[in-house]
Each structure stands twice: as C-alpha cells, then as structure tokens.
Amino acid sequence: MTLAVGMFLYLWLNPLFLPPRAALQRAREFVLLTGNRVRKAKRLAEDREMDRLLDKVSRSGLHSLSALERKRLELLAERRKTDDRGMH
C-alpha cells in the first residue's frame, strides 16, 4: 500500500482529523502575514542596494558603475516604479 492510499484511508476513516474552520482562518492569516514580512524585507534589501549604487554615482559619477551595476540599478528603479504604481 502506498503512502497516499494510506493517508486517504486514514482521513476517510477519521474525518474529525481535519482542522476546524477557525484554525484554517488562522493559518491563512499567518501565511498572509509571513508573505507581507518577506515582501517588506526584500523591499528593504533592494532599497539598501539602490542607495549604495546611487551613493557611488553621487561620489564618482555614472561612469563609475560597472555594466552589471548599471543594469541592476535600472532593474531596481523599474521595480520601484511598478511597486509604487500598484500601491496607489
């Protein structure tokens, strides 16, 4: 007997094993909060990276950025525009 069949039989024979509606709601809320925290942390990391690149441009000029740094700055700026449009 495979694991899937065993799990199906267990749940079929014991339907009370499933969590109540309130527990499912709490689980959904936890997932949403966790997702929000991850998005905020990612945004903060991207803000720091953008600040670092802009500081370099401010100190030494745009020509001081490598091709990779310039592409990354363009990507971060584009994401910022997209994110800011979605928040309004």
Protein backbone atom coordinates (compact mmCIF):
# COMPACT_ATOMS: atom_id res chain seq x y z
CA MET A 1 0.00 0.00 0.00
CA THR A 2 1.43 3.37 -0.94
CA LEU A 3 1.64 6.30 1.42
CA ALA A 4 -1.02 8.23 -0.50
CA VAL A 5 -3.53 5.39 -0.24
CA GLY A 6 -2.79 5.03 3.45
CA MET A 7 -3.31 8.72 4.06
CA PHE A 8 -6.57 8.67 2.08
CA LEU A 9 -7.91 5.77 4.14
CA TYR A 10 -6.86 7.40 7.40
CA LEU A 11 -8.61 10.65 6.53
CA TRP A 12 -11.67 8.83 5.21
CA LEU A 13 -11.98 6.82 8.39
CA ASN A 14 -11.19 9.77 10.66
CA PRO A 15 -12.77 12.93 9.21
CA LEU A 16 -12.51 14.74 12.55
CA PHE A 17 -8.76 14.87 11.98
CA LEU A 18 -9.31 17.87 9.71
CA PRO A 19 -8.89 21.23 11.48
CA PRO A 20 -11.92 23.38 12.25
CA ARG A 21 -12.74 26.46 10.17
CA ALA A 22 -11.22 28.85 12.74
CA ALA A 23 -7.87 27.06 12.57
CA LEU A 24 -7.89 27.28 8.78
CA GLN A 25 -8.60 31.01 9.01
CA ARG A 26 -5.68 31.48 11.42
CA ALA A 27 -3.46 29.53 9.04
CA ARG A 28 -4.49 31.78 6.13
CA GLU A 29 -3.77 34.89 8.21
CA PHE A 30 -0.35 33.52 9.18
CA VAL A 31 0.51 32.87 5.54
CA LEU A 32 -0.55 36.41 4.56
CA LEU A 33 1.44 37.99 7.40
CA THR A 34 4.51 35.92 6.56
CA GLY A 35 4.23 36.90 2.90
CA ASN A 36 3.98 40.58 3.85
CA ARG A 37 7.08 40.30 6.04
CA VAL A 38 9.04 38.65 3.25
CA ARG A 39 7.98 41.34 0.76
CA LYS A 40 8.95 44.11 3.21
CA ALA A 41 12.35 42.52 3.88
CA LYS A 42 13.01 42.14 0.15
CA ARG A 43 11.98 45.75 -0.46
CA LEU A 44 14.30 46.94 2.33
CA ALA A 45 17.24 44.97 0.90
CA GLU A 46 16.58 46.38 -2.57
CA ASP A 47 16.34 49.92 -1.11
CA ARG A 48 19.72 49.49 0.55
CA GLU A 49 21.28 48.21 -2.65
CA MET A 50 19.80 51.09 -4.63
CA ASP A 51 21.09 53.58 -2.05
CA ARG A 52 24.57 52.07 -2.28
CA LEU A 53 24.58 52.36 -6.07
CA LEU A 54 23.21 55.90 -6.03
CA ASP A 55 25.82 56.92 -3.46
CA LYS A 56 28.51 55.61 -5.78
CA VAL A 57 27.03 57.60 -8.66
CA SER A 58 26.86 60.70 -6.45
CA ARG A 59 30.50 60.36 -5.38
CA SER A 60 32.11 59.30 -8.66
CA GLY A 61 29.60 59.80 -11.45
CA LEU A 62 27.51 57.43 -13.55
CA HIS A 63 30.57 56.26 -15.48
CA SER A 64 31.94 54.69 -12.26
CA LEU A 65 29.29 51.96 -12.34
CA SER A 66 30.14 48.68 -14.00
CA ALA A 67 27.79 47.38 -16.68
CA LEU A 68 26.36 44.91 -14.16
CA GLU A 69 25.81 47.64 -11.55
CA ARG A 70 24.13 49.88 -14.11
CA LYS A 71 21.77 47.06 -15.19
CA ARG A 72 20.98 46.32 -11.56
CA LEU A 73 20.22 49.99 -10.86
CA GLU A 74 17.91 50.13 -13.88
CA LEU A 75 16.13 46.97 -12.73
CA LEU A 76 15.68 48.28 -9.19
CA ALA A 77 14.37 51.62 -10.49
CA GLU A 78 11.89 49.87 -12.77
CA ARG A 79 10.68 47.64 -9.93
CA ARG A 80 10.25 50.68 -7.73
CA LYS A 81 8.10 52.38 -10.38
CA THR A 82 5.97 49.26 -10.75
CA ASP A 83 5.60 48.78 -6.98
CA ASP A 84 4.74 52.43 -6.39
CA ARG A 85 2.05 52.34 -9.11
CA GLY A 86 0.50 49.25 -7.52
CA MET A 87 0.31 50.83 -4.08
CA HIS A 88 -1.82 53.84 -5.12
